[in-house]
Amino acid sequence: MSTIPQSLCLLRLSALGDVTHVVPLVRTLQRHWPQARLHWVIDKGGFKLLEGLEGVTFHTYDKKTGLAGMRALRAELPAEGFDALLQMQVALRANLLSAFIRARRRIGYDRRRSKDLHGLVINERIPDRPGIHVLDAIGSFCEPLGLKQTGVTWDLPVPADAHAWARAQWPTDAMRTLVISPCSSHERRNWYADRYAAVADHAAAQGWRIVLCGGRSDLERRTADAIIGAMRAPALDLVGKDTLKQLPALLARADLVMTPDSGPMHIANAMGTAVLGLHAASNPLRSGPYSSVRYCVDRYDDAARRYRGKPASELKWGAKIEHDGVMALITVDDAIAAFERRRADLAA
């Protein structure tokens, strides 16, 4: 770009894990161009998590409002438009929404990742680099602007009262803490209550504190109750008791977070917490915890061979294998081995 942009609009509505992947891009833009005005079109859940991110003006869009909400968004945005739009979501609704945003340069995904009319609403594309993590793909949106994301920084906006709430949930002592966030937004990515309980009991036998967290859905409540019912050791049940502002502070207190591919996985990673990710339905090299793949259980290749009849290396990058029973490929011994890797690293 020949001149430094004065205004940029980022469009990434959801999900929670994906919006955390955008934050390092924001930090890169702010570091290089501190005077640029940054606007971000986001959904309500993402805004609740990231509200207070300094230097960013948020605009929320609720998919329930349809075209009327899109027209309202257009009226809310600066009338002069933006020097560039970074269109980081290829879903049809997001593509349509982006058409309501005035911008001279409209940067989107490479052709291989384009779908749902994405190519009609952009006029520039990021480099096509197969085989990279979602966070790195999002980070490459600054490259058509002449920048390069060479480091990854989050610094999520977590208020002091959220940290105070998290500190009040269990004592600050020498006991290590395993936090289990057992559910994702895709039920077929979720592991089984009895297996979570077995790993939790193993951790408790090593002197670890066990904490359960999660949202307020019936599924999360039922899953937590089943885990607690199957455990021999006690567990602190915080399911449904935190807010999206308190969740990052809670996860930051853990020595390890065990979870399937989920928003809490990426929030914990962004807070600097090690994550024991449970992957069979998705590829941890693409969508696992960016900084702690070492502690992941990876049965993605096994799932590819069983359900697609070919190794993972022959699947389209990012393919999901969300079949009934796919998570049964992850054994208790797999997860205990991952836990023990973390325990050994802490002891070293």
Protein backbone atom coordinates (compact mmCIF):
# COMPACT_ATOMS: atom_id res chain seq x y z
CA MET A 1 0.00 0.00 0.00
CA SER A 2 1.51 3.31 -1.05
CA THR A 3 0.02 5.31 1.81
CA ILE A 4 -0.72 4.40 5.40
CA PRO A 5 -4.43 3.65 5.79
CA GLN A 6 -6.36 6.00 8.03
CA SER A 7 -9.34 3.69 8.55
CA LEU A 8 -9.81 -0.08 8.39
CA CYS A 9 -12.90 -2.23 8.91
CA LEU A 10 -12.57 -5.84 10.05
CA LEU A 11 -15.47 -8.21 9.51
CA ARG A 12 -15.47 -11.38 11.57
CA LEU A 13 -18.77 -12.15 13.28
CA SER A 14 -18.11 -15.44 15.04
CA ALA A 15 -17.34 -17.87 16.63
CA LEU A 16 -15.62 -17.14 19.94
CA GLY A 17 -12.49 -19.08 19.05
CA ASP A 18 -12.24 -17.36 15.68
CA VAL A 19 -12.62 -13.86 17.07
CA THR A 20 -9.73 -14.54 19.47
CA HIS A 21 -7.67 -15.39 16.37
CA VAL A 22 -8.36 -11.90 15.01
CA VAL A 23 -6.95 -10.12 18.07
CA PRO A 24 -3.27 -10.74 17.14
CA LEU A 25 -4.02 -9.17 13.75
CA VAL A 26 -5.45 -6.14 15.54
CA ARG A 27 -2.27 -5.91 17.62
CA THR A 28 -0.14 -6.11 14.47
CA LEU A 29 -2.10 -3.30 12.81
CA GLN A 30 -1.94 -1.16 15.94
CA ARG A 31 1.78 -1.69 16.35
CA HIS A 32 2.57 -0.57 12.80
CA TRP A 33 -0.15 2.04 12.33
CA PRO A 34 -1.15 3.39 15.77
CA GLN A 35 -3.00 6.32 14.21
CA ALA A 36 -5.29 4.17 12.02
CA ARG A 37 -8.94 4.01 13.06
CA LEU A 38 -10.00 0.38 13.47
CA HIS A 39 -13.63 -0.70 13.28
CA TRP A 40 -14.78 -4.30 13.76
CA VAL A 41 -18.14 -5.77 12.73
CA ILE A 42 -18.79 -8.64 15.13
CA ASP A 43 -21.65 -10.63 16.66
CA LYS A 44 -23.00 -10.12 20.18
CA GLY A 45 -21.11 -13.02 21.74
CA GLY A 46 -17.79 -11.89 20.35
CA PHE A 47 -18.46 -8.35 21.51
CA LYS A 48 -19.22 -9.53 25.05
CA LEU A 49 -15.84 -11.26 25.12
CA LEU A 50 -13.81 -8.45 23.53
CA GLU A 51 -15.61 -5.32 24.71
CA GLY A 52 -12.97 -2.88 25.91
CA LEU A 53 -10.33 -3.88 23.35
CA GLU A 54 -8.49 -0.61 23.18
CA GLY A 55 -8.34 1.30 19.93
CA VAL A 56 -11.22 -0.60 18.32
CA THR A 57 -14.75 0.64 17.60
CA PHE A 58 -17.13 -2.32 17.58
CA HIS A 59 -20.34 -2.63 15.58
CA THR A 60 -22.52 -5.61 16.46
CA TYR A 61 -24.71 -7.43 13.99
CA ASP A 62 -27.39 -9.90 15.04
CA LYS A 63 -28.14 -12.46 12.32
CA LYS A 64 -31.77 -12.51 13.47
CA THR A 65 -32.21 -8.96 12.14
CA GLY A 66 -31.55 -10.00 8.55
CA LEU A 67 -31.44 -7.34 5.85
CA ALA A 68 -32.92 -4.70 8.14
CA GLY A 69 -29.95 -5.17 10.48
CA MET A 70 -27.56 -4.91 7.55
CA ARG A 71 -29.10 -1.61 6.48
CA ALA A 72 -28.91 -0.36 10.06
CA LEU A 73 -25.24 -1.31 10.19
CA ARG A 74 -24.54 0.65 7.01
CA ALA A 75 -26.15 3.75 8.55
CA GLU A 76 -24.08 3.29 11.72
CA LEU A 77 -20.73 3.06 9.96
CA PRO A 78 -18.77 6.18 8.91
CA ALA A 79 -20.40 7.70 5.84
CA GLU A 80 -17.05 8.23 4.15
CA GLY A 81 -16.32 4.50 4.29
CA PHE A 82 -12.94 2.89 4.88
CA ASP A 83 -9.59 2.71 3.16
CA ALA A 84 -9.85 -1.08 3.36
CA LEU A 85 -12.24 -3.82 4.47
CA LEU A 86 -10.75 -7.07 5.77
CA GLN A 87 -13.50 -9.60 5.01
CA MET A 88 -12.43 -12.56 7.17
CA GLN A 89 -15.57 -14.70 7.00
CA VAL A 90 -16.76 -16.57 3.91
CA ALA A 91 -20.25 -17.61 5.05
CA LEU A 92 -23.05 -16.37 2.80
CA ARG A 93 -24.54 -14.10 5.47
CA ALA A 94 -21.18 -12.48 6.18
CA ASN A 95 -20.53 -11.99 2.47
CA LEU A 96 -23.88 -10.31 2.03
CA LEU A 97 -23.30 -8.16 5.09
CA SER A 98 -19.94 -7.03 3.74
CA ALA A 99 -21.69 -5.56 0.69
CA PHE A 100 -23.21 -2.98 3.03
CA ILE A 101 -19.77 -1.74 4.10
CA ARG A 102 -18.22 1.02 1.99
CA ALA A 103 -14.53 0.43 1.33
CA ARG A 104 -12.15 1.17 -1.53
CA ARG A 105 -10.08 -1.97 -1.01
CA ARG A 106 -11.91 -5.16 -0.14
CA ILE A 107 -9.53 -7.93 0.97
CA GLY A 108 -10.75 -11.50 1.23
CA TYR A 109 -9.61 -15.10 1.15
CA ASP A 110 -7.71 -16.82 -1.65
CA ARG A 111 -9.75 -18.62 -4.32
CA ARG A 112 -9.29 -22.04 -2.75
CA ARG A 113 -11.01 -20.95 0.47
CA SER A 114 -13.66 -18.77 -1.19
CA LYS A 115 -17.26 -19.93 -1.15
CA ASP A 116 -20.82 -18.61 -0.93
CA LEU A 117 -20.20 -15.73 -3.39
CA HIS A 118 -17.16 -14.48 -1.47
CA GLY A 119 -15.37 -13.51 -4.68
CA LEU A 120 -18.17 -11.08 -5.62
CA VAL A 121 -17.71 -8.85 -2.57
CA ILE A 122 -13.91 -8.53 -2.56
CA ASN A 123 -11.34 -7.11 -4.99
CA GLU A 124 -8.10 -8.41 -3.43
CA ARG A 125 -7.08 -11.73 -1.89
CA ILE A 126 -4.68 -12.96 0.78
CA PRO A 127 -1.91 -15.40 -0.26
CA ASP A 128 -2.93 -19.02 -0.75
CA ARG A 129 -0.96 -20.98 1.85
CA PRO A 130 -2.39 -24.46 2.44
CA GLY A 131 -1.64 -26.26 5.66
CA ILE A 132 -1.50 -23.32 8.07
CA HIS A 133 -3.34 -22.64 11.31
CA VAL A 134 -6.52 -20.55 11.20
CA LEU A 135 -4.80 -17.85 13.25
CA ASP A 136 -1.98 -17.57 10.70
CA ALA A 137 -4.47 -17.38 7.83
CA ILE A 138 -6.26 -14.52 9.56
CA GLY A 139 -2.93 -12.90 10.33
CA SER A 140 -2.10 -12.86 6.62
CA PHE A 141 -4.91 -10.35 5.98
CA CYS A 142 -2.40 -7.58 6.69
CA GLU A 143 -0.10 -8.73 3.87
CA PRO A 144 -1.95 -7.04 0.96
CA LEU A 145 -1.58 -3.87 3.03
CA GLY A 146 2.18 -4.27 3.05
CA LEU A 147 2.61 -5.70 6.57
CA LYS A 148 3.61 -9.09 7.95
CA GLN A 149 2.40 -10.63 11.21
CA THR A 150 5.68 -11.82 12.68
CA GLY A 151 4.58 -12.18 16.30
CA VAL A 152 1.39 -13.18 18.08
CA THR A 153 0.05 -11.08 20.95
CA TRP A 154 -3.44 -11.20 22.45
CA ASP A 155 -3.76 -9.14 25.66
CA LEU A 156 -7.49 -9.81 25.85
CA PRO A 157 -9.44 -7.07 27.65
CA VAL A 158 -10.19 -8.71 31.00
CA PRO A 159 -11.34 -6.24 33.68
CA ALA A 160 -9.99 -6.26 37.21
CA ASP A 161 -13.32 -7.33 38.69
CA ALA A 162 -13.31 -10.44 36.47
CA HIS A 163 -9.88 -11.40 37.78
CA ALA A 164 -11.10 -10.75 41.33
CA TRP A 165 -14.09 -13.05 40.77
CA ALA A 166 -11.80 -15.79 39.42
CA ARG A 167 -9.42 -15.49 42.38
CA ALA A 168 -12.37 -15.92 44.74
CA GLN A 169 -13.39 -19.30 43.30
CA TRP A 170 -10.56 -21.37 44.83
CA PRO A 171 -7.59 -20.69 47.09
CA THR A 172 -4.30 -19.38 45.80
CA ASP A 173 -2.07 -22.22 46.96
CA ALA A 174 0.45 -24.75 45.70
CA MET A 175 -2.18 -27.18 44.39
CA ARG A 176 -2.22 -27.53 40.61
CA THR A 177 -5.58 -27.00 38.90
CA LEU A 178 -7.16 -28.88 35.99
CA VAL A 179 -10.11 -27.01 34.50
CA ILE A 180 -12.45 -29.11 32.35
CA SER A 181 -14.65 -27.30 29.81
CA PRO A 182 -16.37 -30.36 28.37
CA CYS A 183 -18.60 -29.02 25.61
CA SER A 184 -18.20 -27.32 22.26
CA SER A 185 -20.88 -25.74 20.08
CA HIS A 186 -20.84 -28.89 17.91
CA GLU A 187 -22.09 -31.89 19.87
CA ARG A 188 -20.23 -34.43 17.72
CA ARG A 189 -16.92 -32.84 18.79
CA ASN A 190 -17.69 -33.54 22.44
CA TRP A 191 -16.05 -36.31 24.44
CA TYR A 192 -17.82 -38.57 26.96
CA ALA A 193 -18.65 -37.84 30.59
CA ASP A 194 -17.27 -41.12 31.94
CA ARG A 195 -13.96 -40.54 30.16
CA TYR A 196 -13.65 -36.99 31.45
CA ALA A 197 -14.35 -38.36 34.91
CA ALA A 198 -11.62 -41.01 34.60
CA VAL A 199 -9.02 -38.42 33.60
CA ALA A 200 -10.19 -36.09 36.35
CA ASP A 201 -9.84 -38.85 38.94
CA HIS A 202 -6.35 -39.59 37.66
CA ALA A 203 -5.40 -35.92 38.01
CA ALA A 204 -6.94 -35.73 41.47
CA ALA A 205 -4.90 -38.78 42.51
CA GLN A 206 -1.79 -36.78 41.55
CA GLY A 207 -2.87 -34.00 43.90
CA TRP A 208 -4.60 -31.75 41.39
CA ARG A 209 -7.72 -29.67 42.00
CA ILE A 210 -10.55 -30.35 39.51
CA VAL A 211 -12.78 -27.51 38.28
CA LEU A 212 -15.65 -27.77 35.79
CA CYS A 213 -16.77 -24.78 33.76
CA GLY A 214 -19.17 -24.18 30.90
CA GLY A 215 -22.19 -22.24 29.76
CA ARG A 216 -25.83 -22.28 30.71
CA SER A 217 -27.24 -24.70 28.12
CA ASP A 218 -29.07 -27.86 29.11
CA LEU A 219 -26.39 -29.94 27.38
CA GLU A 220 -23.60 -28.37 29.41
CA ARG A 221 -25.52 -28.83 32.65
CA ARG A 222 -26.30 -32.47 31.88
CA THR A 223 -22.72 -33.17 30.86
CA ALA A 224 -21.30 -31.60 34.02
CA ASP A 225 -23.73 -33.54 36.21
CA ALA A 226 -22.75 -36.79 34.47
CA ILE A 227 -19.03 -36.07 34.96
CA ILE A 228 -19.48 -35.27 38.65
CA GLY A 229 -21.69 -38.33 39.09
CA ALA A 230 -19.03 -40.60 37.58
CA MET A 231 -16.10 -39.14 39.54
CA ARG A 232 -14.74 -40.54 42.78
CA ALA A 233 -12.89 -37.33 43.63
CA PRO A 234 -14.61 -34.02 44.39
CA ALA A 235 -14.84 -31.27 41.78
CA LEU A 236 -15.61 -27.56 41.95
CA ASP A 237 -18.67 -27.03 39.75
CA LEU A 238 -18.66 -23.57 38.11
CA VAL A 239 -20.76 -24.53 35.09
CA GLY A 240 -23.14 -21.70 34.25
CA LYS A 241 -21.73 -19.42 36.92
CA ASP A 242 -19.35 -17.20 34.95
CA THR A 243 -19.78 -14.51 32.32
CA LEU A 244 -17.87 -14.16 29.07
CA LYS A 245 -15.72 -11.52 30.76
CA GLN A 246 -15.02 -13.79 33.74
CA LEU A 247 -14.26 -16.89 31.65
CA PRO A 248 -10.81 -15.73 30.44
CA ALA A 249 -9.82 -14.84 34.00
CA LEU A 250 -11.01 -18.24 35.21
CA LEU A 251 -9.09 -20.12 32.51
CA ALA A 252 -5.98 -18.06 33.22
CA ARG A 253 -5.87 -19.53 36.73
CA ALA A 254 -5.64 -23.11 35.46
CA ASP A 255 -2.45 -25.09 35.04
CA LEU A 256 -4.17 -27.07 32.30
CA VAL A 257 -7.53 -26.81 30.52
CA MET A 258 -9.05 -29.99 29.04
CA THR A 259 -11.60 -29.36 26.30
CA PRO A 260 -12.68 -30.40 22.81
CA ASP A 261 -12.28 -28.00 19.87
CA SER A 262 -14.21 -25.09 21.36
CA GLY A 263 -14.24 -21.39 22.16
CA PRO A 264 -12.80 -21.97 25.66
CA MET A 265 -9.87 -23.83 24.06
CA HIS A 266 -8.82 -20.72 22.17
CA ILE A 267 -9.66 -18.30 24.99
CA ALA A 268 -7.48 -20.31 27.38
CA ASN A 269 -4.67 -20.35 24.83
CA ALA A 270 -4.98 -16.58 24.39
CA MET A 271 -4.63 -16.18 28.17
CA GLY A 272 -1.39 -18.15 28.14
CA THR A 273 -2.82 -21.35 29.67
CA ALA A 274 -1.78 -24.79 28.45
CA VAL A 275 -4.59 -26.72 26.76
CA LEU A 276 -5.21 -30.46 26.54
CA GLY A 277 -7.23 -30.40 23.33
CA LEU A 278 -9.30 -33.43 22.35
CA HIS A 279 -9.20 -33.77 18.56
CA ALA A 280 -10.72 -36.40 16.34
CA ALA A 281 -13.41 -34.46 14.49
CA SER A 282 -11.01 -31.61 13.62
CA ASN A 283 -7.32 -31.20 12.87
CA PRO A 284 -5.36 -29.69 15.79
CA LEU A 285 -2.70 -28.39 13.38
CA ARG A 286 -5.35 -26.19 11.79
CA SER A 287 -7.72 -25.35 14.62
CA GLY A 288 -6.12 -26.57 17.83
CA PRO A 289 -4.73 -24.39 20.62
CA TYR A 290 -2.15 -22.28 18.80
CA SER A 291 0.51 -22.31 21.51
CA SER A 292 0.12 -25.75 23.09
CA VAL A 293 -0.49 -28.43 20.47
CA ARG A 294 2.06 -30.46 22.48
CA TYR A 295 -0.66 -31.38 24.99
CA CYS A 296 -3.34 -32.26 22.42
CA VAL A 297 -4.69 -35.71 21.74
CA ASP A 298 -4.70 -36.08 17.97
CA ARG A 299 -6.87 -38.84 16.51
CA TYR A 300 -7.77 -36.88 13.39
CA ASP A 301 -5.85 -39.19 11.05
CA ASP A 302 -7.53 -42.23 12.61
CA ALA A 303 -10.90 -40.57 12.04
CA ALA A 304 -10.04 -39.80 8.41
CA ARG A 305 -9.09 -43.41 7.73
CA ARG A 306 -12.18 -44.81 9.44
CA TYR A 307 -14.83 -42.38 8.19
CA ARG A 308 -13.36 -41.11 4.90
CA GLY A 309 -11.33 -44.13 3.86
CA LYS A 310 -8.12 -42.17 3.38
CA PRO A 311 -5.37 -40.59 5.53
CA ALA A 312 -5.80 -37.05 6.80
CA SER A 313 -3.05 -35.90 4.43
CA GLU A 314 -5.39 -36.63 1.51
CA LEU A 315 -8.32 -34.65 2.88
CA LYS A 316 -9.02 -31.03 2.04
CA TRP A 317 -7.22 -28.86 4.63
CA GLY A 318 -9.72 -27.96 7.33
CA ALA A 319 -12.13 -30.82 6.60
CA LYS A 320 -14.29 -31.69 9.60
CA ILE A 321 -15.09 -35.32 10.43
CA GLU A 322 -18.14 -34.76 12.61
CA HIS A 323 -19.62 -38.25 12.62
CA ASP A 324 -21.51 -39.96 15.42
CA GLY A 325 -18.97 -41.77 17.57
CA VAL A 326 -15.87 -40.12 16.11
CA MET A 327 -14.74 -38.90 19.54
CA ALA A 328 -14.75 -42.50 20.80
CA LEU A 329 -11.42 -42.80 19.00
CA ILE A 330 -9.90 -40.79 21.87
CA THR A 331 -9.23 -43.09 24.80
CA VAL A 332 -8.80 -42.32 28.47
CA ASP A 333 -5.20 -43.44 28.18
CA ASP A 334 -4.66 -40.90 25.38
CA ALA A 335 -5.83 -38.06 27.58
CA ILE A 336 -3.93 -39.28 30.65
CA ALA A 337 -0.74 -39.43 28.57
CA ALA A 338 -1.30 -35.82 27.50
CA PHE A 339 -1.98 -34.80 31.09
CA GLU A 340 1.23 -36.49 32.17
CA ARG A 341 3.21 -34.56 29.54
CA ARG A 342 1.97 -31.35 31.10
CA ARG A 343 2.64 -32.58 34.62
CA ALA A 344 6.20 -33.52 33.66
CA ASP A 345 6.80 -30.12 32.08
CA LEU A 346 5.58 -28.37 35.22
CA ALA A 347 7.90 -30.48 37.36
CA ALA A 348 10.94 -29.88 35.14
